[in-house]
Amino acid sequence: MLLASNHAMKNAEKLKESMRLGRVYRRQELGGLTTAVDRDLKTLVESGDIRKLGYGLYYRPKKNVLGDAPPGRKELVRAFLKTDDFLITSYNHFTNLGLGLTQVYNDTIVYNHKRAGEFRLGGRRFQFRLVPAYPKKLSKEYLLVDLMNHLRELPDDISAVRRNLKYQINEFDHSKVSEYVRRYGRPAARRALSEAYA
């Protein structure tokens, strides 16, 4: 019995060593690394070497001065969606555009092509939204177009935001705004930006 227990511990240890520190894995990814993936994961979770995050996700934590470092948002989303094709954003970015928005939002938004809905991953709340297209990274010009796409959903004073935009439109790169509004803008965003440039 002790021999079997030692063998199981060795297998679990081997699985742990195959998992990179700071990386989130799906259970299916780990299946080829051990003959008893569920037993070995259970052993590693019980020993505290691996953390179970839900939705079949497991994390081998990196250590920092405070203990286990939580997984990064990008790493969580990559494992959950099984792809690198997504864009992480937040309505909080809109306040940095200097157009008079003041609200604070709790959700992280993930634009992607695979999942829609609200999910808690690693103790954080994510809003997954299916959208036809998005850039590879955020820029203030893209955020401006995205703000105009969602302006009616926000509790701020819409007319004040539009007024402020009229005065500050030259702080944004016109050619980039034009490109992003053509590629990602909804009709309301096109109208609002066309009026701001008029």
C-alpha atoms as a PDB file:
ATOM      1  CA  MET A   1       0.000   0.000   0.000  1.00  0.00           C
ATOM      2  CA  LEU A   2       2.868   2.342   0.899  1.00  0.00           C
ATOM      3  CA  LEU A   3       4.544   1.477  -2.419  1.00  0.00           C
ATOM      4  CA  ALA A   4       1.403   2.426  -4.360  1.00  0.00           C
ATOM      5  CA  SER A   5       1.155   5.655  -2.382  1.00  0.00           C
ATOM      6  CA  ASN A   6       4.804   6.521  -3.145  1.00  0.00           C
ATOM      7  CA  HIS A   7       4.239   5.721  -6.823  1.00  0.00           C
ATOM      8  CA  ALA A   8       1.182   8.056  -6.898  1.00  0.00           C
ATOM      9  CA  MET A   9       3.211  10.823  -5.207  1.00  0.00           C
ATOM     10  CA  LYS A  10       6.006  10.379  -7.793  1.00  0.00           C
ATOM     11  CA  ASN A  11       3.502  10.631 -10.661  1.00  0.00           C
ATOM     12  CA  ALA A  12       1.929  13.744  -9.115  1.00  0.00           C
ATOM     13  CA  GLU A  13       5.385  15.277  -8.651  1.00  0.00           C
ATOM     14  CA  LYS A  14       6.217  14.520 -12.291  1.00  0.00           C
ATOM     15  CA  LEU A  15       2.979  16.229 -13.392  1.00  0.00           C
ATOM     16  CA  LYS A  16       3.803  19.259 -11.226  1.00  0.00           C
ATOM     17  CA  GLU A  17       7.268  19.555 -12.779  1.00  0.00           C
ATOM     18  CA  SER A  18       5.696  19.470 -16.265  1.00  0.00           C
ATOM     19  CA  MET A  19       3.536  22.507 -15.392  1.00  0.00           C
ATOM     20  CA  ARG A  20       5.224  25.905 -15.760  1.00  0.00           C
ATOM     21  CA  LEU A  21       5.074  28.326 -12.837  1.00  0.00           C
ATOM     22  CA  GLY A  22       2.484  31.077 -13.353  1.00  0.00           C
ATOM     23  CA  ARG A  23       0.656  29.200 -16.117  1.00  0.00           C
ATOM     24  CA  VAL A  24      -3.015  28.182 -16.143  1.00  0.00           C
ATOM     25  CA  TYR A  25      -3.853  24.793 -17.693  1.00  0.00           C
ATOM     26  CA  ARG A  26      -7.035  23.104 -18.820  1.00  0.00           C
ATOM     27  CA  ARG A  27      -7.484  19.564 -17.498  1.00  0.00           C
ATOM     28  CA  GLN A  28      -7.450  18.235 -21.095  1.00  0.00           C
ATOM     29  CA  GLU A  29      -3.974  19.743 -21.681  1.00  0.00           C
ATOM     30  CA  LEU A  30      -2.598  17.730 -18.760  1.00  0.00           C
ATOM     31  CA  GLY A  31      -4.079  14.372 -19.803  1.00  0.00           C
ATOM     32  CA  GLY A  32      -1.040  13.399 -21.881  1.00  0.00           C
ATOM     33  CA  LEU A  33       1.391  14.106 -19.037  1.00  0.00           C
ATOM     34  CA  THR A  34       0.180  11.392 -16.644  1.00  0.00           C
ATOM     35  CA  THR A  35      -1.835   8.175 -16.730  1.00  0.00           C
ATOM     36  CA  ALA A  36      -4.071   9.270 -13.819  1.00  0.00           C
ATOM     37  CA  VAL A  37      -4.627  12.989 -14.347  1.00  0.00           C
ATOM     38  CA  ASP A  38      -7.562  13.387 -11.926  1.00  0.00           C
ATOM     39  CA  ARG A  39      -5.836  11.521  -9.087  1.00  0.00           C
ATOM     40  CA  ASP A  40      -2.566  13.433  -9.586  1.00  0.00           C
ATOM     41  CA  LEU A  41      -4.317  16.810  -9.792  1.00  0.00           C
ATOM     42  CA  LYS A  42      -6.275  15.994  -6.613  1.00  0.00           C
ATOM     43  CA  THR A  43      -2.974  15.138  -4.849  1.00  0.00           C
ATOM     44  CA  LEU A  44      -1.354  18.396  -6.015  1.00  0.00           C
ATOM     45  CA  VAL A  45      -4.386  20.525  -5.071  1.00  0.00           C
ATOM     46  CA  GLU A  46      -4.473  18.921  -1.597  1.00  0.00           C
ATOM     47  CA  SER A  47      -0.744  19.585  -1.111  1.00  0.00           C
ATOM     48  CA  GLY A  48      -1.205  23.232  -2.189  1.00  0.00           C
ATOM     49  CA  ASP A  49       1.218  22.919  -5.133  1.00  0.00           C
ATOM     50  CA  ILE A  50      -1.569  23.491  -7.667  1.00  0.00           C
ATOM     51  CA  ARG A  51      -4.732  25.612  -7.354  1.00  0.00           C
ATOM     52  CA  LYS A  52      -8.064  24.622  -8.884  1.00  0.00           C
ATOM     53  CA  LEU A  53      -9.725  27.671 -10.443  1.00  0.00           C
ATOM     54  CA  GLY A  54     -12.990  26.126 -11.689  1.00  0.00           C
ATOM     55  CA  TYR A  55     -14.203  25.349 -15.255  1.00  0.00           C
ATOM     56  CA  GLY A  56     -11.543  22.600 -15.485  1.00  0.00           C
ATOM     57  CA  LEU A  57      -8.714  25.123 -14.977  1.00  0.00           C
ATOM     58  CA  TYR A  58      -5.638  24.510 -12.833  1.00  0.00           C
ATOM     59  CA  TYR A  59      -2.854  26.918 -11.908  1.00  0.00           C
ATOM     60  CA  ARG A  60       0.703  26.330 -10.743  1.00  0.00           C
ATOM     61  CA  PRO A  61       1.295  29.517  -8.732  1.00  0.00           C
ATOM     62  CA  LYS A  62       4.413  31.619  -8.827  1.00  0.00           C
ATOM     63  CA  LYS A  63       5.617  32.749  -5.415  1.00  0.00           C
ATOM     64  CA  ASN A  64       6.161  36.353  -4.427  1.00  0.00           C
ATOM     65  CA  VAL A  65       6.870  38.111  -1.100  1.00  0.00           C
ATOM     66  CA  LEU A  66       3.186  37.799  -0.132  1.00  0.00           C
ATOM     67  CA  GLY A  67       2.949  34.086  -0.953  1.00  0.00           C
ATOM     68  CA  ASP A  68       1.233  32.703  -4.058  1.00  0.00           C
ATOM     69  CA  ALA A  69       0.876  35.270  -6.852  1.00  0.00           C
ATOM     70  CA  PRO A  70      -2.557  35.108  -8.516  1.00  0.00           C
ATOM     71  CA  PRO A  71      -2.664  34.191 -12.221  1.00  0.00           C
ATOM     72  CA  GLY A  72      -2.632  37.095 -14.675  1.00  0.00           C
ATOM     73  CA  ARG A  73      -5.883  38.029 -16.423  1.00  0.00           C
ATOM     74  CA  LYS A  74      -4.452  37.252 -19.845  1.00  0.00           C
ATOM     75  CA  GLU A  75      -3.260  33.823 -18.702  1.00  0.00           C
ATOM     76  CA  LEU A  76      -6.679  32.975 -17.201  1.00  0.00           C
ATOM     77  CA  VAL A  77      -8.544  34.050 -20.339  1.00  0.00           C
ATOM     78  CA  ARG A  78      -6.111  32.247 -22.672  1.00  0.00           C
ATOM     79  CA  ALA A  79      -6.631  28.933 -20.855  1.00  0.00           C
ATOM     80  CA  PHE A  80     -10.401  29.404 -20.565  1.00  0.00           C
ATOM     81  CA  LEU A  81     -10.886  30.238 -24.260  1.00  0.00           C
ATOM     82  CA  LYS A  82      -8.125  27.891 -25.506  1.00  0.00           C
ATOM     83  CA  THR A  83      -6.830  30.663 -27.791  1.00  0.00           C
ATOM     84  CA  ASP A  84      -4.748  33.844 -27.793  1.00  0.00           C
ATOM     85  CA  ASP A  85      -7.328  35.573 -30.008  1.00  0.00           C
ATOM     86  CA  PHE A  86      -9.116  37.988 -27.641  1.00  0.00           C
ATOM     87  CA  LEU A  87      -8.916  41.546 -26.335  1.00  0.00           C
ATOM     88  CA  ILE A  88      -9.156  42.366 -22.627  1.00  0.00           C
ATOM     89  CA  THR A  89     -10.636  45.759 -21.818  1.00  0.00           C
ATOM     90  CA  SER A  90     -12.775  47.591 -19.247  1.00  0.00           C
ATOM     91  CA  TYR A  91     -15.147  50.527 -19.237  1.00  0.00           C
ATOM     92  CA  ASN A  92     -12.734  52.048 -16.677  1.00  0.00           C
ATOM     93  CA  HIS A  93     -10.376  52.812 -19.585  1.00  0.00           C
ATOM     94  CA  PHE A  94     -12.970  55.293 -20.865  1.00  0.00           C
ATOM     95  CA  THR A  95     -12.381  57.590 -17.871  1.00  0.00           C
ATOM     96  CA  ASN A  96      -8.724  57.981 -18.937  1.00  0.00           C
ATOM     97  CA  LEU A  97      -9.812  59.596 -22.221  1.00  0.00           C
ATOM     98  CA  GLY A  98     -10.506  62.874 -20.369  1.00  0.00           C
ATOM     99  CA  LEU A  99     -14.061  63.293 -21.667  1.00  0.00           C
ATOM    100  CA  GLY A 100     -15.735  63.739 -18.286  1.00  0.00           C
ATOM    101  CA  LEU A 101     -16.604  60.120 -17.418  1.00  0.00           C
ATOM    102  CA  THR A 102     -16.418  59.396 -13.699  1.00  0.00           C
ATOM    103  CA  GLN A 103     -17.944  55.952 -13.038  1.00  0.00           C
ATOM    104  CA  VAL A 104     -15.901  53.016 -11.730  1.00  0.00           C
ATOM    105  CA  TYR A 105     -16.698  49.531 -13.057  1.00  0.00           C
ATOM    106  CA  ASN A 106     -15.891  46.141 -11.533  1.00  0.00           C
ATOM    107  CA  ASP A 107     -16.045  43.952 -14.622  1.00  0.00           C
ATOM    108  CA  THR A 108     -13.240  43.037 -16.948  1.00  0.00           C
ATOM    109  CA  ILE A 109     -14.566  42.731 -20.501  1.00  0.00           C
ATOM    110  CA  VAL A 110     -13.197  40.184 -22.952  1.00  0.00           C
ATOM    111  CA  TYR A 111     -13.969  40.652 -26.644  1.00  0.00           C
ATOM    112  CA  ASN A 112     -13.633  37.307 -28.391  1.00  0.00           C
ATOM    113  CA  HIS A 113     -15.057  34.967 -31.039  1.00  0.00           C
ATOM    114  CA  LYS A 114     -15.850  31.912 -28.848  1.00  0.00           C
ATOM    115  CA  ARG A 115     -17.780  32.621 -25.628  1.00  0.00           C
ATOM    116  CA  ALA A 116     -20.424  35.007 -24.330  1.00  0.00           C
ATOM    117  CA  GLY A 117     -21.594  35.464 -20.756  1.00  0.00           C
ATOM    118  CA  GLU A 118     -20.346  36.248 -17.281  1.00  0.00           C
ATOM    119  CA  PHE A 119     -17.788  33.908 -15.717  1.00  0.00           C
ATOM    120  CA  ARG A 120     -15.755  33.969 -12.501  1.00  0.00           C
ATOM    121  CA  LEU A 121     -12.189  32.847 -13.150  1.00  0.00           C
ATOM    122  CA  GLY A 122      -9.640  32.748 -10.356  1.00  0.00           C
ATOM    123  CA  GLY A 123     -11.979  34.790  -8.131  1.00  0.00           C
ATOM    124  CA  ARG A 124     -12.393  37.579 -10.732  1.00  0.00           C
ATOM    125  CA  ARG A 125     -15.475  38.448 -12.753  1.00  0.00           C
ATOM    126  CA  PHE A 126     -15.199  38.546 -16.542  1.00  0.00           C
ATOM    127  CA  GLN A 127     -17.800  39.616 -19.100  1.00  0.00           C
ATOM    128  CA  PHE A 128     -17.146  37.649 -22.296  1.00  0.00           C
ATOM    129  CA  ARG A 129     -18.619  39.326 -25.370  1.00  0.00           C
ATOM    130  CA  LEU A 130     -18.794  37.949 -28.875  1.00  0.00           C
ATOM    131  CA  VAL A 131     -17.870  40.700 -31.306  1.00  0.00           C
ATOM    132  CA  PRO A 132     -17.089  40.416 -35.023  1.00  0.00           C
ATOM    133  CA  ALA A 133     -13.741  42.243 -34.863  1.00  0.00           C
ATOM    134  CA  TYR A 134     -11.310  43.961 -32.490  1.00  0.00           C
ATOM    135  CA  PRO A 135      -7.662  45.072 -32.678  1.00  0.00           C
ATOM    136  CA  LYS A 136      -4.774  43.111 -31.153  1.00  0.00           C
ATOM    137  CA  LYS A 137      -4.151  45.791 -28.512  1.00  0.00           C
ATOM    138  CA  LEU A 138      -5.817  48.816 -26.957  1.00  0.00           C
ATOM    139  CA  SER A 139      -5.072  52.372 -28.042  1.00  0.00           C
ATOM    140  CA  LYS A 140      -6.792  55.623 -27.072  1.00  0.00           C
ATOM    141  CA  GLU A 141      -8.220  55.907 -30.606  1.00  0.00           C
ATOM    142  CA  TYR A 142      -9.758  52.426 -30.405  1.00  0.00           C
ATOM    143  CA  LEU A 143     -11.078  53.191 -26.897  1.00  0.00           C
ATOM    144  CA  LEU A 144     -12.699  56.355 -28.244  1.00  0.00           C
ATOM    145  CA  VAL A 145     -14.555  54.339 -30.908  1.00  0.00           C
ATOM    146  CA  ASP A 146     -15.482  51.686 -28.322  1.00  0.00           C
ATOM    147  CA  LEU A 147     -16.758  54.415 -25.970  1.00  0.00           C
ATOM    148  CA  MET A 148     -18.979  55.798 -28.735  1.00  0.00           C
ATOM    149  CA  ASN A 149     -20.239  52.243 -29.402  1.00  0.00           C
ATOM    150  CA  HIS A 150     -21.332  51.894 -25.756  1.00  0.00           C
ATOM    151  CA  LEU A 151     -22.102  55.490 -24.757  1.00  0.00           C
ATOM    152  CA  ARG A 152     -25.851  54.899 -24.328  1.00  0.00           C
ATOM    153  CA  GLU A 153     -25.177  52.012 -21.896  1.00  0.00           C
ATOM    154  CA  LEU A 154     -23.199  54.221 -19.510  1.00  0.00           C
ATOM    155  CA  PRO A 155     -24.787  56.149 -16.623  1.00  0.00           C
ATOM    156  CA  ASP A 156     -22.783  59.329 -17.342  1.00  0.00           C
ATOM    157  CA  ASP A 157     -24.115  62.533 -18.952  1.00  0.00           C
ATOM    158  CA  ILE A 158     -23.997  61.660 -22.672  1.00  0.00           C
ATOM    159  CA  SER A 159     -24.435  65.224 -23.896  1.00  0.00           C
ATOM    160  CA  ALA A 160     -21.502  66.407 -21.711  1.00  0.00           C
ATOM    161  CA  VAL A 161     -19.285  63.647 -23.131  1.00  0.00           C
ATOM    162  CA  ARG A 162     -20.198  64.685 -26.695  1.00  0.00           C
ATOM    163  CA  ARG A 163     -19.505  68.360 -25.889  1.00  0.00           C
ATOM    164  CA  ASN A 164     -16.121  67.490 -24.370  1.00  0.00           C
ATOM    165  CA  LEU A 165     -15.309  65.323 -27.381  1.00  0.00           C
ATOM    166  CA  LYS A 166     -15.935  68.248 -29.733  1.00  0.00           C
ATOM    167  CA  TYR A 167     -13.310  70.314 -27.849  1.00  0.00           C
ATOM    168  CA  GLN A 168     -10.772  67.512 -27.501  1.00  0.00           C
ATOM    169  CA  ILE A 169     -11.121  65.606 -30.772  1.00  0.00           C
ATOM    170  CA  ASN A 170      -7.739  66.905 -32.024  1.00  0.00           C
ATOM    171  CA  GLU A 171      -5.986  65.050 -29.191  1.00  0.00           C
ATOM    172  CA  PHE A 172      -6.737  61.814 -31.057  1.00  0.00           C
ATOM    173  CA  ASP A 173      -4.942  60.684 -34.226  1.00  0.00           C
ATOM    174  CA  HIS A 174      -7.534  61.415 -36.940  1.00  0.00           C
ATOM    175  CA  SER A 175      -6.344  58.720 -39.378  1.00  0.00           C
ATOM    176  CA  LYS A 176      -6.404  56.040 -36.646  1.00  0.00           C
ATOM    177  CA  VAL A 177      -9.861  57.109 -35.457  1.00  0.00           C
ATOM    178  CA  SER A 178     -11.107  56.957 -39.070  1.00  0.00           C
ATOM    179  CA  GLU A 179      -9.643  53.491 -39.552  1.00  0.00           C
ATOM    180  CA  TYR A 180     -11.036  52.152 -36.259  1.00  0.00           C
ATOM    181  CA  VAL A 181     -14.484  53.639 -36.771  1.00  0.00           C
ATOM    182  CA  ARG A 182     -14.594  52.052 -40.236  1.00  0.00           C
ATOM    183  CA  ARG A 183     -13.511  48.647 -38.898  1.00  0.00           C
ATOM    184  CA  TYR A 184     -15.159  48.533 -35.450  1.00  0.00           C
ATOM    185  CA  GLY A 185     -17.677  51.388 -35.199  1.00  0.00           C
ATOM    186  CA  ARG A 186     -21.425  50.945 -34.953  1.00  0.00           C
ATOM    187  CA  PRO A 187     -23.689  53.445 -36.766  1.00  0.00           C
ATOM    188  CA  ALA A 188     -24.108  55.554 -33.582  1.00  0.00           C
ATOM    189  CA  ALA A 189     -20.300  55.784 -33.176  1.00  0.00           C
ATOM    190  CA  ARG A 190     -19.909  56.805 -36.819  1.00  0.00           C
ATOM    191  CA  ARG A 191     -22.495  59.560 -36.407  1.00  0.00           C
ATOM    192  CA  ALA A 192     -21.040  60.861 -33.135  1.00  0.00           C
ATOM    193  CA  LEU A 193     -17.477  60.977 -34.456  1.00  0.00           C
ATOM    194  CA  SER A 194     -18.505  62.507 -37.752  1.00  0.00           C
ATOM    195  CA  GLU A 195     -20.283  65.301 -35.782  1.00  0.00           C
ATOM    196  CA  ALA A 196     -17.203  65.785 -33.561  1.00  0.00           C
ATOM    197  CA  TYR A 197     -15.000  66.278 -36.620  1.00  0.00           C
ATOM    198  CA  ALA A 198     -17.514  68.560 -38.398  1.00  0.00           C
END
